[in-house]
């Protein structure tokens, strides 16, 4: 709330997940700000029950849960003997943009 009351407030908010975006919508409305006219809002998760039903519908990034699980299982199967020897593994899986009306 304090951030959005500043004179140099941001033009967009990228929320950690769609549930936080829902809270941001509520706070922005309490401040009399319109989405996306006054500020754009982006979520992360594409939780259908939230993102598609907010007004305006929330633009968000789709988490590819199936692909993430598939990669992890395949990695474990292929590298089971080397897991203890290595450090943390990083692997990039694209998260598609689901463009709706909030950004």
N, C-alpha and C. Protein backbone atom coordinates (compact mmCIF):
# COMPACT_ATOMS: atom_id res chain seq x y z
N UNK A 1 0.83 -1.18 0.00
CA UNK A 1 0.00 0.00 0.00
C UNK A 1 0.88 1.26 0.00
N UNK A 2 1.96 1.24 0.81
CA UNK A 2 2.84 2.41 0.87
C UNK A 2 3.51 2.65 -0.48
N UNK A 3 3.96 1.60 -1.12
CA UNK A 3 4.62 1.71 -2.43
C UNK A 3 3.69 2.36 -3.45
N UNK A 4 2.45 1.98 -3.45
CA UNK A 4 1.51 2.48 -4.45
C UNK A 4 1.02 3.90 -4.14
N UNK A 5 1.28 4.40 -2.94
CA UNK A 5 0.89 5.76 -2.60
C UNK A 5 2.01 6.76 -2.86
N UNK A 6 3.17 6.28 -3.30
CA UNK A 6 4.29 7.17 -3.62
C UNK A 6 4.03 7.91 -4.92
N UNK A 7 4.62 9.06 -5.07
CA UNK A 7 4.50 9.81 -6.33
C UNK A 7 5.20 9.09 -7.48
N UNK A 8 6.28 8.36 -7.16
CA UNK A 8 7.02 7.63 -8.19
C UNK A 8 6.67 6.13 -8.18
N UNK A 9 5.39 5.84 -8.03
CA UNK A 9 4.95 4.44 -7.94
C UNK A 9 5.26 3.70 -9.24
N UNK A 10 5.37 2.38 -9.16
CA UNK A 10 5.68 1.60 -10.36
C UNK A 10 4.50 1.59 -11.33
N UNK A 11 4.78 1.27 -12.58
CA UNK A 11 3.73 1.17 -13.59
C UNK A 11 3.23 -0.27 -13.73
N UNK A 12 3.92 -1.21 -13.06
CA UNK A 12 3.53 -2.61 -13.13
C UNK A 12 3.97 -3.34 -11.87
N UNK A 13 3.24 -4.39 -11.55
CA UNK A 13 3.58 -5.27 -10.43
C UNK A 13 3.65 -6.69 -10.96
N UNK A 14 4.76 -7.39 -10.68
CA UNK A 14 4.88 -8.80 -11.02
C UNK A 14 4.80 -9.57 -9.71
N UNK A 15 3.73 -10.32 -9.54
CA UNK A 15 3.48 -11.02 -8.27
C UNK A 15 4.11 -12.40 -8.28
N UNK A 16 4.53 -12.85 -7.10
CA UNK A 16 5.17 -14.15 -6.93
C UNK A 16 4.28 -15.30 -7.39
N UNK A 17 2.98 -15.14 -7.22
CA UNK A 17 2.02 -16.15 -7.70
C UNK A 17 0.66 -15.48 -7.90
N UNK A 18 -0.28 -16.23 -8.45
CA UNK A 18 -1.60 -15.67 -8.75
C UNK A 18 -2.38 -15.31 -7.50
N UNK A 19 -2.14 -16.01 -6.40
CA UNK A 19 -2.83 -15.69 -5.15
C UNK A 19 -2.40 -14.32 -4.63
N UNK A 20 -1.10 -14.04 -4.76
CA UNK A 20 -0.62 -12.71 -4.36
C UNK A 20 -1.18 -11.64 -5.29
N UNK A 21 -1.33 -11.97 -6.56
CA UNK A 21 -1.91 -11.03 -7.51
C UNK A 21 -3.34 -10.70 -7.12
N UNK A 22 -4.07 -11.68 -6.62
CA UNK A 22 -5.43 -11.45 -6.18
C UNK A 22 -5.43 -10.43 -5.03
N UNK A 23 -4.49 -10.54 -4.12
CA UNK A 23 -4.36 -9.57 -3.04
C UNK A 23 -3.97 -8.20 -3.57
N UNK A 24 -3.11 -8.17 -4.58
CA UNK A 24 -2.71 -6.89 -5.18
C UNK A 24 -3.91 -6.21 -5.83
N UNK A 25 -4.76 -7.00 -6.52
CA UNK A 25 -5.98 -6.44 -7.11
C UNK A 25 -6.81 -5.73 -6.03
N UNK A 26 -6.98 -6.40 -4.90
CA UNK A 26 -7.79 -5.85 -3.81
C UNK A 26 -7.17 -4.55 -3.30
N UNK A 27 -5.86 -4.54 -3.06
CA UNK A 27 -5.19 -3.34 -2.55
C UNK A 27 -5.27 -2.20 -3.56
N UNK A 28 -5.08 -2.50 -4.83
CA UNK A 28 -5.13 -1.45 -5.86
C UNK A 28 -6.52 -0.85 -5.97
N UNK A 29 -7.53 -1.68 -5.84
CA UNK A 29 -8.90 -1.15 -5.88
C UNK A 29 -9.19 -0.26 -4.67
N UNK A 30 -8.69 -0.65 -3.51
CA UNK A 30 -8.87 0.17 -2.31
C UNK A 30 -8.23 1.54 -2.46
N UNK A 31 -7.17 1.61 -3.27
CA UNK A 31 -6.49 2.87 -3.52
C UNK A 31 -7.12 3.64 -4.69
N UNK A 32 -8.14 3.05 -5.29
CA UNK A 32 -8.81 3.71 -6.41
C UNK A 32 -8.07 3.62 -7.73
N UNK A 33 -7.15 2.65 -7.84
CA UNK A 33 -6.37 2.48 -9.07
C UNK A 33 -7.02 1.43 -9.97
N UNK A 34 -6.99 1.68 -11.26
CA UNK A 34 -7.59 0.76 -12.23
C UNK A 34 -6.51 -0.10 -12.87
N UNK A 35 -6.85 -1.38 -13.09
CA UNK A 35 -5.97 -2.34 -13.74
C UNK A 35 -6.49 -2.56 -15.15
N UNK A 36 -5.73 -2.44 -16.17
CA UNK A 36 -4.33 -2.06 -16.32
C UNK A 36 -4.11 -0.58 -16.62
N UNK A 37 -5.17 0.23 -16.60
CA UNK A 37 -5.02 1.65 -16.97
C UNK A 37 -4.02 2.39 -16.09
N UNK A 38 -4.09 2.20 -14.78
CA UNK A 38 -3.17 2.88 -13.87
C UNK A 38 -1.93 2.05 -13.57
N UNK A 39 -2.10 0.75 -13.50
CA UNK A 39 -0.99 -0.16 -13.19
C UNK A 39 -1.28 -1.54 -13.77
N UNK A 40 -0.27 -2.12 -14.39
CA UNK A 40 -0.38 -3.48 -14.92
C UNK A 40 -0.05 -4.47 -13.81
N UNK A 41 -0.69 -5.64 -13.86
CA UNK A 41 -0.43 -6.69 -12.87
C UNK A 41 -0.18 -7.99 -13.61
N UNK A 42 0.90 -8.68 -13.23
CA UNK A 42 1.24 -10.00 -13.77
C UNK A 42 1.31 -10.99 -12.62
N UNK A 43 0.82 -12.19 -12.88
CA UNK A 43 0.91 -13.26 -11.89
C UNK A 43 1.90 -14.32 -12.34
N UNK A 44 1.97 -15.39 -11.59
CA UNK A 44 2.84 -16.51 -11.91
C UNK A 44 2.18 -17.76 -11.38
N UNK A 45 1.82 -18.67 -12.20
CA UNK A 45 1.23 -19.98 -11.89
C UNK A 45 0.14 -20.34 -12.88
N UNK A 46 -0.65 -19.37 -13.29
CA UNK A 46 -1.85 -19.60 -14.10
C UNK A 46 -2.82 -20.53 -13.38
N UNK A 47 -3.14 -20.19 -12.14
CA UNK A 47 -4.18 -20.91 -11.41
C UNK A 47 -5.52 -20.50 -12.01
N UNK A 48 -6.12 -21.41 -12.76
CA UNK A 48 -7.32 -21.11 -13.54
C UNK A 48 -8.45 -20.51 -12.71
N UNK A 49 -8.66 -21.02 -11.52
CA UNK A 49 -9.76 -20.52 -10.70
C UNK A 49 -9.53 -19.08 -10.24
N UNK A 50 -8.30 -18.65 -10.27
CA UNK A 50 -7.99 -17.28 -9.89
C UNK A 50 -7.80 -16.42 -11.13
N UNK A 51 -6.82 -16.77 -11.95
CA UNK A 51 -6.39 -15.91 -13.05
C UNK A 51 -7.49 -15.59 -14.04
N UNK A 52 -8.24 -16.57 -14.46
CA UNK A 52 -9.27 -16.35 -15.48
C UNK A 52 -10.51 -15.66 -14.94
N UNK A 53 -10.68 -15.67 -13.61
CA UNK A 53 -11.91 -15.15 -13.04
C UNK A 53 -11.76 -13.82 -12.30
N UNK A 54 -10.55 -13.29 -12.23
CA UNK A 54 -10.38 -11.95 -11.69
C UNK A 54 -10.88 -10.95 -12.73
N UNK A 55 -11.18 -9.74 -12.29
CA UNK A 55 -11.58 -8.72 -13.26
C UNK A 55 -10.63 -7.53 -13.15
N UNK A 56 -9.93 -7.20 -14.21
CA UNK A 56 -9.88 -7.92 -15.48
C UNK A 56 -9.09 -9.23 -15.32
N UNK A 57 -9.32 -10.20 -16.23
CA UNK A 57 -8.59 -11.46 -16.13
C UNK A 57 -7.07 -11.23 -16.07
N UNK A 58 -6.41 -12.00 -15.22
CA UNK A 58 -5.00 -11.81 -14.90
C UNK A 58 -4.07 -12.40 -15.96
N UNK A 59 -3.16 -11.59 -16.47
CA UNK A 59 -2.07 -12.10 -17.29
C UNK A 59 -1.09 -12.79 -16.34
N UNK A 60 -0.58 -13.93 -16.75
CA UNK A 60 0.24 -14.73 -15.84
C UNK A 60 1.20 -15.62 -16.62
N UNK A 61 2.13 -16.20 -15.93
CA UNK A 61 3.06 -17.16 -16.54
C UNK A 61 2.61 -18.56 -16.14
N UNK A 62 2.52 -19.44 -17.12
CA UNK A 62 2.09 -20.83 -16.90
C UNK A 62 3.25 -21.66 -16.38
N UNK A 63 3.10 -22.24 -15.21
CA UNK A 63 4.11 -23.17 -14.71
C UNK A 63 3.89 -24.53 -15.35
N UNK A 64 4.89 -25.06 -16.02
CA UNK A 64 4.73 -26.36 -16.69
C UNK A 64 4.97 -27.52 -15.71
N UNK A 65 4.01 -27.76 -14.83
CA UNK A 65 4.18 -28.75 -13.77
C UNK A 65 4.53 -30.14 -14.30
N UNK A 66 3.83 -30.60 -15.32
CA UNK A 66 4.10 -31.93 -15.86
C UNK A 66 5.54 -32.02 -16.37
N UNK A 67 5.95 -31.04 -17.15
CA UNK A 67 7.30 -31.05 -17.71
C UNK A 67 8.36 -30.98 -16.62
N UNK A 68 8.10 -30.21 -15.56
CA UNK A 68 9.04 -30.11 -14.45
C UNK A 68 9.20 -31.46 -13.76
N UNK A 69 8.08 -32.12 -13.51
CA UNK A 69 8.14 -33.43 -12.87
C UNK A 69 8.79 -34.47 -13.76
N UNK A 70 8.47 -34.44 -15.04
CA UNK A 70 9.06 -35.39 -15.99
C UNK A 70 10.57 -35.23 -16.05
N UNK A 71 11.04 -33.98 -16.11
CA UNK A 71 12.48 -33.75 -16.16
C UNK A 71 13.15 -34.26 -14.88
N UNK A 72 12.55 -33.98 -13.73
CA UNK A 72 13.14 -34.39 -12.45
C UNK A 72 13.22 -35.91 -12.33
N UNK A 73 12.16 -36.60 -12.71
CA UNK A 73 12.17 -38.06 -12.64
C UNK A 73 13.22 -38.64 -13.59
N UNK A 74 13.26 -38.13 -14.81
CA UNK A 74 14.26 -38.63 -15.77
C UNK A 74 15.67 -38.35 -15.28
N UNK A 75 15.89 -37.20 -14.70
CA UNK A 75 17.21 -36.88 -14.17
C UNK A 75 17.60 -37.85 -13.07
N UNK A 76 16.68 -38.11 -12.15
CA UNK A 76 16.97 -39.04 -11.06
C UNK A 76 17.28 -40.44 -11.57
N UNK A 77 16.54 -40.89 -12.56
CA UNK A 77 16.76 -42.23 -13.11
C UNK A 77 18.12 -42.30 -13.80
N UNK A 78 18.47 -41.29 -14.54
CA UNK A 78 19.72 -41.29 -15.31
C UNK A 78 20.96 -41.00 -14.47
N UNK A 79 20.82 -40.32 -13.35
CA UNK A 79 21.98 -39.88 -12.58
C UNK A 79 21.99 -40.36 -11.14
N UNK A 80 21.31 -41.43 -10.83
CA UNK A 80 21.18 -41.85 -9.44
C UNK A 80 22.51 -42.10 -8.75
N UNK A 81 23.51 -42.59 -9.44
CA UNK A 81 24.80 -42.88 -8.81
C UNK A 81 25.60 -41.61 -8.53
N UNK A 82 25.35 -40.54 -9.23
CA UNK A 82 26.15 -39.32 -9.10
C UNK A 82 25.50 -38.23 -8.26
N UNK A 83 24.32 -38.46 -7.72
CA UNK A 83 23.59 -37.41 -7.01
C UNK A 83 24.34 -36.88 -5.79
N UNK A 84 24.95 -37.76 -5.02
CA UNK A 84 25.62 -37.33 -3.80
C UNK A 84 26.89 -36.53 -4.10
N UNK A 85 27.52 -36.79 -5.22
CA UNK A 85 28.79 -36.14 -5.55
C UNK A 85 28.61 -34.71 -6.06
N UNK A 86 27.52 -34.41 -6.72
CA UNK A 86 27.35 -33.09 -7.34
C UNK A 86 26.63 -32.11 -6.44
N UNK A 87 26.65 -30.87 -6.89
CA UNK A 87 25.93 -29.81 -6.18
C UNK A 87 24.52 -29.69 -6.72
N UNK A 88 23.87 -28.61 -6.40
CA UNK A 88 22.51 -28.38 -6.89
C UNK A 88 22.48 -28.33 -8.41
N UNK A 89 21.42 -28.85 -8.98
CA UNK A 89 21.25 -28.87 -10.43
C UNK A 89 20.29 -27.75 -10.83
N UNK A 90 20.64 -27.05 -11.89
CA UNK A 90 19.74 -26.04 -12.45
C UNK A 90 19.41 -26.44 -13.87
N UNK A 91 18.13 -26.39 -14.19
CA UNK A 91 17.68 -26.73 -15.54
C UNK A 91 16.53 -25.78 -15.89
N UNK A 92 16.64 -25.14 -17.02
CA UNK A 92 15.62 -24.16 -17.42
C UNK A 92 14.51 -24.84 -18.22
N UNK A 93 13.28 -24.62 -17.80
CA UNK A 93 12.09 -25.07 -18.52
C UNK A 93 11.26 -23.81 -18.77
N UNK A 94 10.94 -23.56 -20.01
CA UNK A 94 10.21 -22.35 -20.37
C UNK A 94 8.83 -22.31 -19.72
N UNK A 95 8.44 -21.13 -19.30
CA UNK A 95 7.12 -20.86 -18.74
C UNK A 95 6.37 -19.96 -19.71
N UNK A 96 5.40 -20.49 -20.43
CA UNK A 96 4.70 -19.67 -21.41
C UNK A 96 3.87 -18.56 -20.78
N UNK A 97 3.80 -17.44 -21.48
CA UNK A 97 2.97 -16.32 -21.06
C UNK A 97 1.52 -16.60 -21.43
N UNK A 98 0.64 -16.38 -20.47
CA UNK A 98 -0.80 -16.46 -20.72
C UNK A 98 -1.30 -15.02 -20.66
N UNK A 99 -1.45 -14.44 -21.84
CA UNK A 99 -1.83 -13.02 -21.94
C UNK A 99 -3.34 -12.88 -21.77
N UNK A 100 -3.71 -12.11 -20.75
CA UNK A 100 -5.11 -11.78 -20.54
C UNK A 100 -5.21 -10.26 -20.54
N UNK A 101 -5.96 -9.66 -19.67
CA UNK A 101 -6.23 -8.23 -19.78
C UNK A 101 -5.57 -7.34 -18.73
N UNK A 102 -4.80 -7.90 -17.81
CA UNK A 102 -4.27 -7.09 -16.71
C UNK A 102 -2.92 -6.45 -17.01
N UNK A 103 -2.34 -6.77 -18.13
CA UNK A 103 -1.01 -6.20 -18.46
C UNK A 103 -0.94 -5.84 -19.92
